[in-house]
PDB file of all heavy atoms in Angstrom:
ATOM      1  N   LEU A   1      35.345 -41.186 -84.085  1.00  0.00           N
ATOM      2  CA  LEU A   1      33.917 -41.465 -84.126  1.00  0.00           C
ATOM      3  C   LEU A   1      33.263 -40.676 -85.256  1.00  0.00           C
ATOM      4  O   LEU A   1      33.522 -39.488 -85.428  1.00  0.00           O
ATOM      5  CB  LEU A   1      33.276 -41.071 -82.782  1.00  0.00           C
ATOM      6  CG  LEU A   1      31.777 -41.286 -82.643  1.00  0.00           C
ATOM      7  CD1 LEU A   1      31.458 -42.773 -82.608  1.00  0.00           C
ATOM      8  CD2 LEU A   1      31.277 -40.601 -81.394  1.00  0.00           C
ATOM      9  N   SER A   2      32.400 -41.341 -86.000  1.00  0.00           N
ATOM     10  CA  SER A   2      31.685 -40.654 -87.079  1.00  0.00           C
ATOM     11  C   SER A   2      30.443 -39.963 -86.509  1.00  0.00           C
ATOM     12  O   SER A   2      29.959 -40.314 -85.425  1.00  0.00           O
ATOM     13  CB  SER A   2      31.254 -41.656 -88.154  1.00  0.00           C
ATOM     14  OG  SER A   2      30.247 -42.521 -87.648  1.00  0.00           O
ATOM     15  N   LEU A   3      29.921 -39.019 -87.255  1.00  0.00           N
ATOM     16  CA  LEU A   3      28.692 -38.343 -86.845  1.00  0.00           C
ATOM     17  C   LEU A   3      27.560 -39.361 -86.734  1.00  0.00           C
ATOM     18  O   LEU A   3      26.779 -39.330 -85.789  1.00  0.00           O
ATOM     19  CB  LEU A   3      28.321 -37.231 -87.833  1.00  0.00           C
ATOM     20  CG  LEU A   3      27.007 -36.498 -87.547  1.00  0.00           C
ATOM     21  CD1 LEU A   3      27.042 -35.830 -86.177  1.00  0.00           C
ATOM     22  CD2 LEU A   3      26.710 -35.483 -88.635  1.00  0.00           C
ATOM     23  N   ARG A   4      27.497 -40.268 -87.666  1.00  0.00           N
ATOM     24  CA  ARG A   4      26.466 -41.311 -87.642  1.00  0.00           C
ATOM     25  C   ARG A   4      26.562 -42.146 -86.364  1.00  0.00           C
ATOM     26  O   ARG A   4      25.562 -42.441 -85.719  1.00  0.00           O
ATOM     27  CB  ARG A   4      26.591 -42.201 -88.872  1.00  0.00           C
ATOM     28  CG  ARG A   4      25.556 -43.292 -88.927  1.00  0.00           C
ATOM     29  CD  ARG A   4      25.675 -44.076 -90.223  1.00  0.00           C
ATOM     30  NE  ARG A   4      24.646 -45.080 -90.262  1.00  0.00           N
ATOM     31  CZ  ARG A   4      24.860 -46.337 -90.571  1.00  0.00           C
ATOM     32  NH1 ARG A   4      26.067 -46.744 -90.912  1.00  0.00           N
ATOM     33  NH2 ARG A   4      23.876 -47.201 -90.594  1.00  0.00           N
ATOM     34  N   GLY A   5      27.779 -42.528 -86.001  1.00  0.00           N
ATOM     35  CA  GLY A   5      27.987 -43.299 -84.782  1.00  0.00           C
ATOM     36  C   GLY A   5      27.547 -42.533 -83.551  1.00  0.00           C
ATOM     37  O   GLY A   5      26.937 -43.091 -82.631  1.00  0.00           O
ATOM     38  N   LEU A   6      27.840 -41.242 -83.533  1.00  0.00           N
ATOM     39  CA  LEU A   6      27.422 -40.410 -82.401  1.00  0.00           C
ATOM     40  C   LEU A   6      25.905 -40.287 -82.350  1.00  0.00           C
ATOM     41  O   LEU A   6      25.310 -40.415 -81.275  1.00  0.00           O
ATOM     42  CB  LEU A   6      28.079 -39.022 -82.509  1.00  0.00           C
ATOM     43  CG  LEU A   6      27.749 -38.024 -81.399  1.00  0.00           C
ATOM     44  CD1 LEU A   6      26.530 -37.245 -81.521  1.00  0.00           C
ATOM     45  CD2 LEU A   6      28.124 -38.526 -80.060  1.00  0.00           C
ATOM     46  N   VAL A   7      25.272 -40.059 -83.486  1.00  0.00           N
ATOM     47  CA  VAL A   7      23.816 -39.915 -83.530  1.00  0.00           C
ATOM     48  C   VAL A   7      23.145 -41.187 -83.014  1.00  0.00           C
ATOM     49  O   VAL A   7      22.206 -41.121 -82.210  1.00  0.00           O
ATOM     50  CB  VAL A   7      23.330 -39.561 -84.960  1.00  0.00           C
ATOM     51  CG1 VAL A   7      21.830 -39.733 -85.101  1.00  0.00           C
ATOM     52  CG2 VAL A   7      23.737 -38.137 -85.323  1.00  0.00           C
ATOM     53  N   LEU A   8      23.643 -42.341 -83.431  1.00  0.00           N
ATOM     54  CA  LEU A   8      23.060 -43.607 -82.968  1.00  0.00           C
ATOM     55  C   LEU A   8      23.218 -43.766 -81.456  1.00  0.00           C
ATOM     56  O   LEU A   8      22.294 -44.199 -80.769  1.00  0.00           O
ATOM     57  CB  LEU A   8      23.705 -44.788 -83.689  1.00  0.00           C
ATOM     58  CG  LEU A   8      23.345 -44.929 -85.166  1.00  0.00           C
ATOM     59  CD1 LEU A   8      24.186 -46.018 -85.822  1.00  0.00           C
ATOM     60  CD2 LEU A   8      21.858 -45.227 -85.335  1.00  0.00           C
ATOM     61  N   ARG A   9      24.364 -43.395 -80.921  1.00  0.00           N
ATOM     62  CA  ARG A   9      24.603 -43.511 -79.481  1.00  0.00           C
ATOM     63  C   ARG A   9      23.739 -42.527 -78.680  1.00  0.00           C
ATOM     64  O   ARG A   9      23.139 -42.884 -77.672  1.00  0.00           O
ATOM     65  CB  ARG A   9      26.078 -43.297 -79.171  1.00  0.00           C
ATOM     66  CG  ARG A   9      26.956 -44.476 -79.562  1.00  0.00           C
ATOM     67  CD  ARG A   9      28.437 -44.092 -79.477  1.00  0.00           C
ATOM     68  NE  ARG A   9      29.324 -45.185 -79.763  1.00  0.00           N
ATOM     69  CZ  ARG A   9      29.671 -45.591 -80.987  1.00  0.00           C
ATOM     70  NH1 ARG A   9      29.179 -44.967 -82.054  1.00  0.00           N
ATOM     71  NH2 ARG A   9      30.498 -46.605 -81.149  1.00  0.00           N
ATOM     72  N   ALA A  10      23.675 -41.283 -79.132  1.00  0.00           N
ATOM     73  CA  ALA A  10      22.877 -40.274 -78.428  1.00  0.00           C
ATOM     74  C   ALA A  10      21.391 -40.633 -78.474  1.00  0.00           C
ATOM     75  O   ALA A  10      20.689 -40.548 -77.466  1.00  0.00           O
ATOM     76  CB  ALA A  10      23.119 -38.888 -79.028  1.00  0.00           C
ATOM     77  N   PHE A  11      20.933 -41.047 -79.632  1.00  0.00           N
ATOM     78  CA  PHE A  11      19.534 -41.437 -79.784  1.00  0.00           C
ATOM     79  C   PHE A  11      19.228 -42.659 -78.918  1.00  0.00           C
ATOM     80  O   PHE A  11      18.181 -42.723 -78.262  1.00  0.00           O
ATOM     81  CB  PHE A  11      19.208 -41.719 -81.260  1.00  0.00           C
ATOM     82  CG  PHE A  11      17.765 -42.007 -81.519  1.00  0.00           C
ATOM     83  CD1 PHE A  11      16.849 -40.967 -81.607  1.00  0.00           C
ATOM     84  CD2 PHE A  11      17.314 -43.308 -81.657  1.00  0.00           C
ATOM     85  CE1 PHE A  11      15.501 -41.225 -81.840  1.00  0.00           C
ATOM     86  CE2 PHE A  11      15.970 -43.578 -81.890  1.00  0.00           C
ATOM     87  CZ  PHE A  11      15.065 -42.535 -81.982  1.00  0.00           C
ATOM     88  N   GLY A  12      20.147 -43.610 -78.890  1.00  0.00           N
ATOM     89  CA  GLY A  12      19.958 -44.820 -78.080  1.00  0.00           C
ATOM     90  C   GLY A  12      19.875 -44.516 -76.599  1.00  0.00           C
ATOM     91  O   GLY A  12      18.983 -45.015 -75.898  1.00  0.00           O
ATOM     92  N   LEU A  13      20.791 -43.692 -76.091  1.00  0.00           N
ATOM     93  CA  LEU A  13      20.765 -43.341 -74.667  1.00  0.00           C
ATOM     94  C   LEU A  13      19.509 -42.542 -74.333  1.00  0.00           C
ATOM     95  O   LEU A  13      18.868 -42.776 -73.315  1.00  0.00           O
ATOM     96  CB  LEU A  13      22.023 -42.553 -74.284  1.00  0.00           C
ATOM     97  CG  LEU A  13      22.095 -42.110 -72.822  1.00  0.00           C
ATOM     98  CD1 LEU A  13      22.039 -43.306 -71.870  1.00  0.00           C
ATOM     99  CD2 LEU A  13      23.366 -41.295 -72.585  1.00  0.00           C
ATOM    100  N   SER A  14      19.147 -41.618 -75.198  1.00  0.00           N
ATOM    101  CA  SER A  14      17.944 -40.822 -74.971  1.00  0.00           C
ATOM    102  C   SER A  14      16.701 -41.716 -74.961  1.00  0.00           C
ATOM    103  O   SER A  14      15.812 -41.549 -74.117  1.00  0.00           O
ATOM    104  CB  SER A  14      17.822 -39.747 -76.055  1.00  0.00           C
ATOM    105  OG  SER A  14      16.701 -38.938 -75.826  1.00  0.00           O
ATOM    106  N   THR A  15      16.643 -42.678 -75.870  1.00  0.00           N
ATOM    107  CA  THR A  15      15.514 -43.612 -75.916  1.00  0.00           C
ATOM    108  C   THR A  15      15.443 -44.432 -74.634  1.00  0.00           C
ATOM    109  O   THR A  15      14.362 -44.626 -74.063  1.00  0.00           O
ATOM    110  CB  THR A  15      15.628 -44.548 -77.138  1.00  0.00           C
ATOM    111  OG1 THR A  15      15.639 -43.751 -78.329  1.00  0.00           O
ATOM    112  CG2 THR A  15      14.469 -45.531 -77.205  1.00  0.00           C
ATOM    113  N   LEU A  16      16.589 -44.888 -74.162  1.00  0.00           N
ATOM    114  CA  LEU A  16      16.640 -45.642 -72.903  1.00  0.00           C
ATOM    115  C   LEU A  16      16.079 -44.813 -71.750  1.00  0.00           C
ATOM    116  O   LEU A  16      15.248 -45.293 -70.963  1.00  0.00           O
ATOM    117  CB  LEU A  16      18.080 -46.059 -72.598  1.00  0.00           C
ATOM    118  CG  LEU A  16      18.307 -46.706 -71.240  1.00  0.00           C
ATOM    119  CD1 LEU A  16      17.880 -48.168 -71.286  1.00  0.00           C
ATOM    120  CD2 LEU A  16      19.757 -46.590 -70.841  1.00  0.00           C
ATOM    121  N   LEU A  17      16.502 -43.562 -71.659  1.00  0.00           N
ATOM    122  CA  LEU A  17      16.043 -42.693 -70.574  1.00  0.00           C
ATOM    123  C   LEU A  17      14.556 -42.365 -70.694  1.00  0.00           C
ATOM    124  O   LEU A  17      13.834 -42.360 -69.698  1.00  0.00           O
ATOM    125  CB  LEU A  17      16.876 -41.413 -70.542  1.00  0.00           C
ATOM    126  CG  LEU A  17      18.316 -41.601 -70.075  1.00  0.00           C
ATOM    127  CD1 LEU A  17      19.159 -40.374 -70.394  1.00  0.00           C
ATOM    128  CD2 LEU A  17      18.375 -41.923 -68.602  1.00  0.00           C
ATOM    129  N   GLU A  18      14.084 -42.092 -71.903  1.00  0.00           N
ATOM    130  CA  GLU A  18      12.661 -41.785 -72.100  1.00  0.00           C
ATOM    131  C   GLU A  18      11.792 -42.993 -71.776  1.00  0.00           C
ATOM    132  O   GLU A  18      10.745 -42.853 -71.138  1.00  0.00           O
ATOM    133  CB  GLU A  18      12.407 -41.324 -73.543  1.00  0.00           C
ATOM    134  CG  GLU A  18      12.920 -39.936 -73.852  1.00  0.00           C
ATOM    135  CD  GLU A  18      12.246 -38.849 -73.035  1.00  0.00           C
ATOM    136  OE1 GLU A  18      11.000 -38.797 -72.994  1.00  0.00           O
ATOM    137  OE2 GLU A  18      12.970 -38.050 -72.414  1.00  0.00           O
ATOM    138  N   CYS A  19      12.220 -44.181 -72.197  1.00  0.00           N
ATOM    139  CA  CYS A  19      11.458 -45.392 -71.896  1.00  0.00           C
ATOM    140  C   CYS A  19      11.472 -45.678 -70.397  1.00  0.00           C
ATOM    141  O   CYS A  19      10.455 -46.111 -69.833  1.00  0.00           O
ATOM    142  CB  CYS A  19      12.011 -46.585 -72.676  1.00  0.00           C
ATOM    143  SG  CYS A  19      11.655 -46.498 -74.446  1.00  0.00           S
ATOM    144  N   ALA A  20      12.595 -45.438 -69.739  1.00  0.00           N
ATOM    145  CA  ALA A  20      12.683 -45.641 -68.289  1.00  0.00           C
ATOM    146  C   ALA A  20      11.724 -44.707 -67.558  1.00  0.00           C
ATOM    147  O   ALA A  20      11.090 -45.111 -66.578  1.00  0.00           O
ATOM    148  CB  ALA A  20      14.115 -45.431 -67.812  1.00  0.00           C
ATOM    149  N   GLN A  21      11.595 -43.476 -68.036  1.00  0.00           N
ATOM    150  CA  GLN A  21      10.640 -42.545 -67.412  1.00  0.00           C
ATOM    151  C   GLN A  21       9.222 -43.107 -67.481  1.00  0.00           C
ATOM    152  O   GLN A  21       8.471 -43.042 -66.514  1.00  0.00           O
ATOM    153  CB  GLN A  21      10.667 -41.186 -68.113  1.00  0.00           C
ATOM    154  CG  GLN A  21      11.858 -40.343 -67.787  1.00  0.00           C
ATOM    155  CD  GLN A  21      11.739 -38.972 -68.432  1.00  0.00           C
ATOM    156  OE1 GLN A  21      11.279 -38.046 -67.801  1.00  0.00           O
ATOM    157  NE2 GLN A  21      12.154 -38.866 -69.669  1.00  0.00           N
ATOM    158  N   GLY A  22       8.879 -43.663 -68.636  1.00  0.00           N
ATOM    159  CA  GLY A  22       7.547 -44.243 -68.784  1.00  0.00           C
ATOM    160  C   GLY A  22       7.372 -45.512 -67.970  1.00  0.00           C
ATOM    161  O   GLY A  22       6.354 -45.700 -67.307  1.00  0.00           O
ATOM    162  N   LEU A  23       8.362 -46.380 -67.991  1.00  0.00           N
ATOM    163  CA  LEU A  23       8.289 -47.650 -67.278  1.00  0.00           C
ATOM    164  C   LEU A  23       8.166 -47.452 -65.776  1.00  0.00           C
ATOM    165  O   LEU A  23       7.384 -48.129 -65.109  1.00  0.00           O
ATOM    166  CB  LEU A  23       9.528 -48.497 -67.595  1.00  0.00           C
ATOM    167  CG  LEU A  23       9.592 -49.876 -66.966  1.00  0.00           C
ATOM    168  CD1 LEU A  23       8.481 -50.762 -67.511  1.00  0.00           C
ATOM    169  CD2 LEU A  23      10.948 -50.506 -67.223  1.00  0.00           C
ATOM    170  N   PHE A  24       8.934 -46.502 -65.251  1.00  0.00           N
ATOM    171  CA  PHE A  24       8.915 -46.248 -63.814  1.00  0.00           C
ATOM    172  C   PHE A  24       7.888 -45.190 -63.410  1.00  0.00           C
ATOM    173  O   PHE A  24       7.795 -44.828 -62.235  1.00  0.00           O
ATOM    174  CB  PHE A  24      10.299 -45.826 -63.319  1.00  0.00           C
ATOM    175  CG  PHE A  24      11.328 -46.924 -63.372  1.00  0.00           C
ATOM    176  CD1 PHE A  24      12.397 -46.845 -64.245  1.00  0.00           C
ATOM    177  CD2 PHE A  24      11.221 -48.030 -62.548  1.00  0.00           C
ATOM    178  CE1 PHE A  24      13.349 -47.855 -64.289  1.00  0.00           C
ATOM    179  CE2 PHE A  24      12.170 -49.040 -62.582  1.00  0.00           C
ATOM    180  CZ  PHE A  24      13.231 -48.959 -63.462  1.00  0.00           C
ATOM    181  N   SER A  25       7.153 -44.653 -64.374  1.00  0.00           N
ATOM    182  CA  SER A  25       6.147 -43.602 -64.115  1.00  0.00           C
ATOM    183  C   SER A  25       6.755 -42.419 -63.373  1.00  0.00           C
ATOM    184  O   SER A  25       6.197 -41.916 -62.397  1.00  0.00           O
ATOM    185  CB  SER A  25       4.967 -44.164 -63.312  1.00  0.00           C
ATOM    186  OG  SER A  25       4.313 -45.157 -64.043  1.00  0.00           O
ATOM    187  N   ILE A  26       7.904 -41.975 -63.840  1.00  0.00           N
ATOM    188  CA  ILE A  26       8.568 -40.827 -63.205  1.00  0.00           C
ATOM    189  C   ILE A  26       8.791 -39.710 -64.214  1.00  0.00           C
ATOM    190  O   ILE A  26       9.682 -38.897 -64.066  1.00  0.00           O
ATOM    191  CB  ILE A  26       9.906 -41.242 -62.533  1.00  0.00           C
ATOM    192  CG1 ILE A  26      10.777 -42.045 -63.490  1.00  0.00           C
ATOM    193  CG2 ILE A  26       9.645 -42.017 -61.271  1.00  0.00           C
ATOM    194  CD1 ILE A  26      12.101 -42.484 -62.910  1.00  0.00           C
ATOM    195  N   GLY A  27       7.974 -39.686 -65.204  1.00  0.00           N
ATOM    196  CA  GLY A  27       8.045 -38.683 -66.256  1.00  0.00           C
ATOM    197  C   GLY A  27       7.205 -39.189 -67.405  1.00  0.00           C
ATOM    198  O   GLY A  27       6.580 -40.243 -67.308  1.00  0.00           O
ATOM    199  N   THR A  28       7.184 -38.452 -68.480  1.00  0.00           N
ATOM    200  CA  THR A  28       6.418 -38.906 -69.639  1.00  0.00           C
ATOM    201  C   THR A  28       7.343 -39.054 -70.835  1.00  0.00           C
ATOM    202  O   THR A  28       8.309 -38.308 -70.996  1.00  0.00           O
ATOM    203  CB  THR A  28       5.297 -37.914 -70.000  1.00  0.00           C
ATOM    204  OG1 THR A  28       5.872 -36.621 -70.193  1.00  0.00           O
ATOM    205  CG2 THR A  28       4.241 -37.850 -68.921  1.00  0.00           C
ATOM    206  N   PHE A  29       7.026 -40.029 -71.658  1.00  0.00           N
ATOM    207  CA  PHE A  29       7.773 -40.242 -72.885  1.00  0.00           C
ATOM    208  C   PHE A  29       7.431 -39.119 -73.851  1.00  0.00           C
ATOM    209  O   PHE A  29       6.270 -38.810 -74.071  1.00  0.00           O
ATOM    210  CB  PHE A  29       7.408 -41.593 -73.506  1.00  0.00           C
ATOM    211  CG  PHE A  29       8.185 -41.893 -74.755  1.00  0.00           C
ATOM    212  CD1 PHE A  29       9.360 -42.618 -74.674  1.00  0.00           C
ATOM    213  CD2 PHE A  29       7.763 -41.445 -75.988  1.00  0.00           C
ATOM    214  CE1 PHE A  29      10.100 -42.899 -75.818  1.00  0.00           C
ATOM    215  CE2 PHE A  29       8.490 -41.713 -77.133  1.00  0.00           C
ATOM    216  CZ  PHE A  29       9.658 -42.441 -77.049  1.00  0.00           C
ATOM    217  N   ASP A  30       8.459 -38.497 -74.428  1.00  0.00           N
ATOM    218  CA  ASP A  30       8.257 -37.432 -75.405  1.00  0.00           C
ATOM    219  C   ASP A  30       9.247 -37.632 -76.537  1.00  0.00           C
ATOM    220  O   ASP A  30      10.464 -37.530 -76.338  1.00  0.00           O
ATOM    221  CB  ASP A  30       8.451 -36.064 -74.755  1.00  0.00           C
ATOM    222  CG  ASP A  30       8.026 -34.914 -75.649  1.00  0.00           C
ATOM    223  OD1 ASP A  30       7.937 -35.100 -76.887  1.00  0.00           O
ATOM    224  OD2 ASP A  30       7.797 -33.812 -75.116  1.00  0.00           O
ATOM    225  N   VAL A  31       8.731 -37.910 -77.718  1.00  0.00           N
ATOM    226  CA  VAL A  31       9.593 -38.149 -78.876  1.00  0.00           C
ATOM    227  C   VAL A  31      10.434 -36.907 -79.191  1.00  0.00           C
ATOM    228  O   VAL A  31      11.555 -37.021 -79.693  1.00  0.00           O
ATOM    229  CB  VAL A  31       8.763 -38.625 -80.098  1.00  0.00           C
ATOM    230  CG1 VAL A  31       7.923 -37.506 -80.666  1.00  0.00           C
ATOM    231  CG2 VAL A  31       9.651 -39.229 -81.169  1.00  0.00           C
TER     232      VAL A  31
END
């Protein structure tokens, strides 16, 4: 795995979790 590939995956999963917090109102989105 390249560093770029890892960064895209980590950023993607983090974005999914942050958006889920906002969608379900169980936390706040924080960039």
